[in-house]
Amino acid sequence: MVGERQLSGKSKRLVALPEFNVALFAFLLNYPWEFLQVPFYVTMPEMAHWDAVLFCTRATLGDMLITLVAFWVVAGIRRHRHWLLRPDARATFGFVAVGIAITVGLEWYATELQQRWQYAEGMPTLTLLGTGLAPLLQWLLLPPLILWLARRQMLGERYLQCAG
């Protein structure tokens, strides 16, 4: 049909990759979360606009990488990259747990050892580890949504390929 957008062969293959979809939705969901967390970090609210944008962009790319690592860990355990087409509770739990473990470790390293950033007084923290509640909630709430969106995208693409 005239006017319909046709994906090239390379684009179709890219959209079919689980890693592409996981990375895409990890970026799209984590980016606004990073901006919403700004008030919970010292100096972030006072940063120059472009500096804050760059900081949040780098943090989002880090979140995307953590998400991909969590995806690959579960894929390795499941021995299949397309596990997210039929995720069960164990796979979803593993995906979330790996992301939380990496995040808690990185937050501790960045705040305690490297002093790369500090939590503002308004950031609730876990007593034992000192991890902020906002980054912890990020890794409890967003990964299941990332999986759901990536799965829908991949299933929709498969449907369109079969229908067309």
C-alpha atoms as a PDB file:
ATOM      1  CA  MET A   1       0.000   0.000   0.000  1.00  0.00           C
ATOM      2  CA  VAL A   2       1.303   3.467  -0.851  1.00  0.00           C
ATOM      3  CA  GLY A   3       2.355   5.447   2.202  1.00  0.00           C
ATOM      4  CA  GLU A   4       3.010   2.420   4.386  1.00  0.00           C
ATOM      5  CA  ARG A   5       6.420   2.378   5.911  1.00  0.00           C
ATOM      6  CA  GLN A   6       8.388  -0.700   4.987  1.00  0.00           C
ATOM      7  CA  LEU A   7      11.298  -1.748   7.139  1.00  0.00           C
ATOM      8  CA  SER A   8      14.430  -2.788   5.329  1.00  0.00           C
ATOM      9  CA  GLY A   9      15.855  -6.255   5.918  1.00  0.00           C
ATOM     10  CA  LYS A  10      18.447  -4.905   8.355  1.00  0.00           C
ATOM     11  CA  SER A  11      15.816  -2.934  10.276  1.00  0.00           C
ATOM     12  CA  LYS A  12      13.552  -5.972  10.511  1.00  0.00           C
ATOM     13  CA  ARG A  13      16.398  -8.059  11.869  1.00  0.00           C
ATOM     14  CA  LEU A  14      17.292  -5.356  14.379  1.00  0.00           C
ATOM     15  CA  VAL A  15      13.711  -5.021  15.649  1.00  0.00           C
ATOM     16  CA  ALA A  16      13.539  -8.803  16.021  1.00  0.00           C
ATOM     17  CA  LEU A  17      16.567  -8.902  18.353  1.00  0.00           C
ATOM     18  CA  PRO A  18      15.596  -9.234  22.006  1.00  0.00           C
ATOM     19  CA  GLU A  19      18.638  -7.158  23.023  1.00  0.00           C
ATOM     20  CA  PHE A  20      17.549  -4.261  20.814  1.00  0.00           C
ATOM     21  CA  ASN A  21      14.089  -4.205  22.356  1.00  0.00           C
ATOM     22  CA  VAL A  22      15.352  -4.566  25.921  1.00  0.00           C
ATOM     23  CA  ALA A  23      17.892  -1.757  25.367  1.00  0.00           C
ATOM     24  CA  LEU A  24      15.323   0.472  23.655  1.00  0.00           C
ATOM     25  CA  PHE A  25      12.745   0.239  26.430  1.00  0.00           C
ATOM     26  CA  ALA A  26      15.412   0.368  29.137  1.00  0.00           C
ATOM     27  CA  PHE A  27      16.554   3.695  27.707  1.00  0.00           C
ATOM     28  CA  LEU A  28      13.041   5.071  27.226  1.00  0.00           C
ATOM     29  CA  LEU A  29      11.915   4.214  30.760  1.00  0.00           C
ATOM     30  CA  ASN A  30      15.111   4.979  32.668  1.00  0.00           C
ATOM     31  CA  TYR A  31      15.728   8.373  31.062  1.00  0.00           C
ATOM     32  CA  PRO A  32      12.743  10.158  32.626  1.00  0.00           C
ATOM     33  CA  TRP A  33      13.381   8.300  35.912  1.00  0.00           C
ATOM     34  CA  GLU A  34      16.887   9.775  36.052  1.00  0.00           C
ATOM     35  CA  PHE A  35      15.479  13.285  35.702  1.00  0.00           C
ATOM     36  CA  LEU A  36      12.842  12.621  38.357  1.00  0.00           C
ATOM     37  CA  GLN A  37      15.596  11.558  40.789  1.00  0.00           C
ATOM     38  CA  VAL A  38      17.525  14.849  40.464  1.00  0.00           C
ATOM     39  CA  PRO A  39      16.190  16.356  43.734  1.00  0.00           C
ATOM     40  CA  PHE A  40      17.472  13.334  45.684  1.00  0.00           C
ATOM     41  CA  TYR A  41      21.144  13.992  44.851  1.00  0.00           C
ATOM     42  CA  VAL A  42      23.417  16.720  46.225  1.00  0.00           C
ATOM     43  CA  THR A  43      24.409  19.358  43.628  1.00  0.00           C
ATOM     44  CA  MET A  44      22.151  17.941  40.898  1.00  0.00           C
ATOM     45  CA  PRO A  45      19.386  20.580  41.279  1.00  0.00           C
ATOM     46  CA  GLU A  46      21.983  23.365  41.023  1.00  0.00           C
ATOM     47  CA  MET A  47      23.828  21.945  38.004  1.00  0.00           C
ATOM     48  CA  ALA A  48      23.842  23.848  34.754  1.00  0.00           C
ATOM     49  CA  HIS A  49      21.058  22.549  32.534  1.00  0.00           C
ATOM     50  CA  TRP A  50      23.268  20.932  29.891  1.00  0.00           C
ATOM     51  CA  ASP A  51      25.561  19.391  32.528  1.00  0.00           C
ATOM     52  CA  ALA A  52      22.538  17.805  34.220  1.00  0.00           C
ATOM     53  CA  VAL A  53      21.228  16.521  30.893  1.00  0.00           C
ATOM     54  CA  LEU A  54      24.603  14.935  30.131  1.00  0.00           C
ATOM     55  CA  PHE A  55      24.816  13.453  33.629  1.00  0.00           C
ATOM     56  CA  CYS A  56      21.323  11.930  33.342  1.00  0.00           C
ATOM     57  CA  THR A  57      22.089  10.660  29.834  1.00  0.00           C
ATOM     58  CA  ARG A  58      25.251   8.903  31.028  1.00  0.00           C
ATOM     59  CA  ALA A  59      23.339   7.440  33.975  1.00  0.00           C
ATOM     60  CA  THR A  60      20.638   6.198  31.598  1.00  0.00           C
ATOM     61  CA  LEU A  61      23.203   4.559  29.333  1.00  0.00           C
ATOM     62  CA  GLY A  62      24.595   2.858  32.434  1.00  0.00           C
ATOM     63  CA  ASP A  63      21.085   1.710  33.356  1.00  0.00           C
ATOM     64  CA  MET A  64      20.666   0.358  29.830  1.00  0.00           C
ATOM     65  CA  LEU A  65      23.919  -1.592  30.164  1.00  0.00           C
ATOM     66  CA  ILE A  66      22.882  -2.996  33.556  1.00  0.00           C
ATOM     67  CA  THR A  67      19.573  -4.064  32.004  1.00  0.00           C
ATOM     68  CA  LEU A  68      21.357  -5.813  29.139  1.00  0.00           C
ATOM     69  CA  VAL A  69      23.696  -7.603  31.551  1.00  0.00           C
ATOM     70  CA  ALA A  70      20.691  -8.770  33.585  1.00  0.00           C
ATOM     71  CA  PHE A  71      19.022  -9.926  30.358  1.00  0.00           C
ATOM     72  CA  TRP A  72      22.151 -11.836  29.277  1.00  0.00           C
ATOM     73  CA  VAL A  73      22.553 -13.473  32.699  1.00  0.00           C
ATOM     74  CA  VAL A  74      19.016 -14.853  32.484  1.00  0.00           C
ATOM     75  CA  ALA A  75      19.570 -15.784  28.820  1.00  0.00           C
ATOM     76  CA  GLY A  76      22.692 -17.687  29.858  1.00  0.00           C
ATOM     77  CA  ILE A  77      20.844 -19.532  32.595  1.00  0.00           C
ATOM     78  CA  ARG A  78      17.918 -20.243  30.256  1.00  0.00           C
ATOM     79  CA  ARG A  79      20.293 -20.961  27.358  1.00  0.00           C
ATOM     80  CA  HIS A  80      18.068 -18.968  25.068  1.00  0.00           C
ATOM     81  CA  ARG A  81      18.092 -15.282  24.087  1.00  0.00           C
ATOM     82  CA  HIS A  82      14.371 -15.246  23.360  1.00  0.00           C
ATOM     83  CA  TRP A  83      13.359 -16.190  26.910  1.00  0.00           C
ATOM     84  CA  LEU A  84      11.460 -12.934  27.277  1.00  0.00           C
ATOM     85  CA  LEU A  85       8.843 -14.120  24.779  1.00  0.00           C
ATOM     86  CA  ARG A  86       7.660 -16.499  27.515  1.00  0.00           C
ATOM     87  CA  PRO A  87       8.985 -15.076  30.765  1.00  0.00           C
ATOM     88  CA  ASP A  88       7.964 -16.873  33.912  1.00  0.00           C
ATOM     89  CA  ALA A  89       8.207 -15.663  37.496  1.00  0.00           C
ATOM     90  CA  ARG A  90      11.683 -17.162  37.996  1.00  0.00           C
ATOM     91  CA  ALA A  91      13.133 -15.501  34.903  1.00  0.00           C
ATOM     92  CA  THR A  92      11.546 -12.163  35.792  1.00  0.00           C
ATOM     93  CA  PHE A  93      12.770 -12.446  39.381  1.00  0.00           C
ATOM     94  CA  GLY A  94      16.277 -13.285  38.159  1.00  0.00           C
ATOM     95  CA  PHE A  95      16.251 -10.351  35.757  1.00  0.00           C
ATOM     96  CA  VAL A  96      15.187  -7.956  38.524  1.00  0.00           C
ATOM     97  CA  ALA A  97      17.546  -9.496  41.098  1.00  0.00           C
ATOM     98  CA  VAL A  98      20.612  -9.170  38.867  1.00  0.00           C
ATOM     99  CA  GLY A  99      19.754  -5.520  38.174  1.00  0.00           C
ATOM    100  CA  ILE A 100      19.285  -4.819  41.885  1.00  0.00           C
ATOM    101  CA  ALA A 101      22.539  -6.562  42.820  1.00  0.00           C
ATOM    102  CA  ILE A 102      24.520  -4.582  40.240  1.00  0.00           C
ATOM    103  CA  THR A 103      22.810  -1.330  41.212  1.00  0.00           C
ATOM    104  CA  VAL A 104      23.383  -1.777  44.943  1.00  0.00           C
ATOM    105  CA  GLY A 105      27.039  -2.556  44.275  1.00  0.00           C
ATOM    106  CA  LEU A 106      27.513   0.390  41.925  1.00  0.00           C
ATOM    107  CA  GLU A 107      25.687   2.825  44.206  1.00  0.00           C
ATOM    108  CA  TRP A 108      27.830   1.745  47.153  1.00  0.00           C
ATOM    109  CA  TYR A 109      31.009   2.023  45.073  1.00  0.00           C
ATOM    110  CA  ALA A 110      30.059   5.441  43.672  1.00  0.00           C
ATOM    111  CA  THR A 111      28.836   6.981  46.937  1.00  0.00           C
ATOM    112  CA  GLU A 112      31.161   5.377  49.479  1.00  0.00           C
ATOM    113  CA  LEU A 113      34.430   4.601  47.713  1.00  0.00           C
ATOM    114  CA  GLN A 114      34.620   7.011  44.794  1.00  0.00           C
ATOM    115  CA  GLN A 115      32.455   9.826  46.165  1.00  0.00           C
ATOM    116  CA  ARG A 116      31.157  10.386  42.599  1.00  0.00           C
ATOM    117  CA  TRP A 117      27.807  11.552  43.937  1.00  0.00           C
ATOM    118  CA  GLN A 118      26.046  11.951  47.238  1.00  0.00           C
ATOM    119  CA  TYR A 119      22.468  11.542  48.299  1.00  0.00           C
ATOM    120  CA  ALA A 120      20.572  14.617  49.407  1.00  0.00           C
ATOM    121  CA  GLU A 121      18.940  14.667  52.836  1.00  0.00           C
ATOM    122  CA  GLY A 122      15.592  13.872  51.236  1.00  0.00           C
ATOM    123  CA  MET A 123      16.800  10.505  49.865  1.00  0.00           C
ATOM    124  CA  PRO A 124      15.667   7.622  52.054  1.00  0.00           C
ATOM    125  CA  THR A 125      18.397   4.978  52.253  1.00  0.00           C
ATOM    126  CA  LEU A 126      18.677   1.336  53.238  1.00  0.00           C
ATOM    127  CA  THR A 127      20.159   1.133  56.698  1.00  0.00           C
ATOM    128  CA  LEU A 128      22.622  -1.685  56.100  1.00  0.00           C
ATOM    129  CA  LEU A 129      24.029  -0.735  52.683  1.00  0.00           C
ATOM    130  CA  GLY A 130      23.222   2.950  52.476  1.00  0.00           C
ATOM    131  CA  THR A 131      21.705   2.511  49.019  1.00  0.00           C
ATOM    132  CA  GLY A 132      19.162   5.151  48.095  1.00  0.00           C
ATOM    133  CA  LEU A 133      15.520   4.147  47.858  1.00  0.00           C
ATOM    134  CA  ALA A 134      15.009   5.897  44.487  1.00  0.00           C
ATOM    135  CA  PRO A 135      17.594   3.790  42.595  1.00  0.00           C
ATOM    136  CA  LEU A 136      16.345   0.670  44.362  1.00  0.00           C
ATOM    137  CA  LEU A 137      12.734   1.385  43.362  1.00  0.00           C
ATOM    138  CA  GLN A 138      13.948   2.051  39.830  1.00  0.00           C
ATOM    139  CA  TRP A 139      15.200  -1.542  39.656  1.00  0.00           C
ATOM    140  CA  LEU A 140      12.101  -2.991  41.263  1.00  0.00           C
ATOM    141  CA  LEU A 141       9.553  -1.183  39.092  1.00  0.00           C
ATOM    142  CA  LEU A 142      11.092  -0.620  35.662  1.00  0.00           C
ATOM    143  CA  PRO A 143      12.532  -4.059  34.721  1.00  0.00           C
ATOM    144  CA  PRO A 144       9.172  -5.894  34.674  1.00  0.00           C
ATOM    145  CA  LEU A 145       7.760  -3.068  32.554  1.00  0.00           C
ATOM    146  CA  ILE A 146      10.796  -3.219  30.237  1.00  0.00           C
ATOM    147  CA  LEU A 147      10.239  -6.958  29.770  1.00  0.00           C
ATOM    148  CA  TRP A 148       6.538  -6.466  29.105  1.00  0.00           C
ATOM    149  CA  LEU A 149       7.119  -3.745  26.504  1.00  0.00           C
ATOM    150  CA  ALA A 150       9.989  -5.605  24.808  1.00  0.00           C
ATOM    151  CA  ARG A 151       7.884  -8.766  24.657  1.00  0.00           C
ATOM    152  CA  ARG A 152       4.906  -6.903  23.142  1.00  0.00           C
ATOM    153  CA  GLN A 153       7.183  -5.263  20.579  1.00  0.00           C
ATOM    154  CA  MET A 154       8.719  -8.572  19.541  1.00  0.00           C
ATOM    155  CA  LEU A 155       5.393 -10.397  19.404  1.00  0.00           C
ATOM    156  CA  GLY A 156       3.889  -7.547  17.377  1.00  0.00           C
ATOM    157  CA  GLU A 157       6.767  -7.688  14.916  1.00  0.00           C
ATOM    158  CA  ARG A 158       6.367 -11.464  14.586  1.00  0.00           C
ATOM    159  CA  TYR A 159       2.649 -11.052  13.993  1.00  0.00           C
ATOM    160  CA  LEU A 160       3.260  -8.455  11.280  1.00  0.00           C
ATOM    161  CA  GLN A 161       5.806 -10.703   9.583  1.00  0.00           C
ATOM    162  CA  CYS A 162       3.359 -13.617   9.564  1.00  0.00           C
ATOM    163  CA  ALA A 163       0.439 -11.454   8.425  1.00  0.00           C
ATOM    164  CA  GLY A 164       2.408  -9.716   5.699  1.00  0.00           C
END
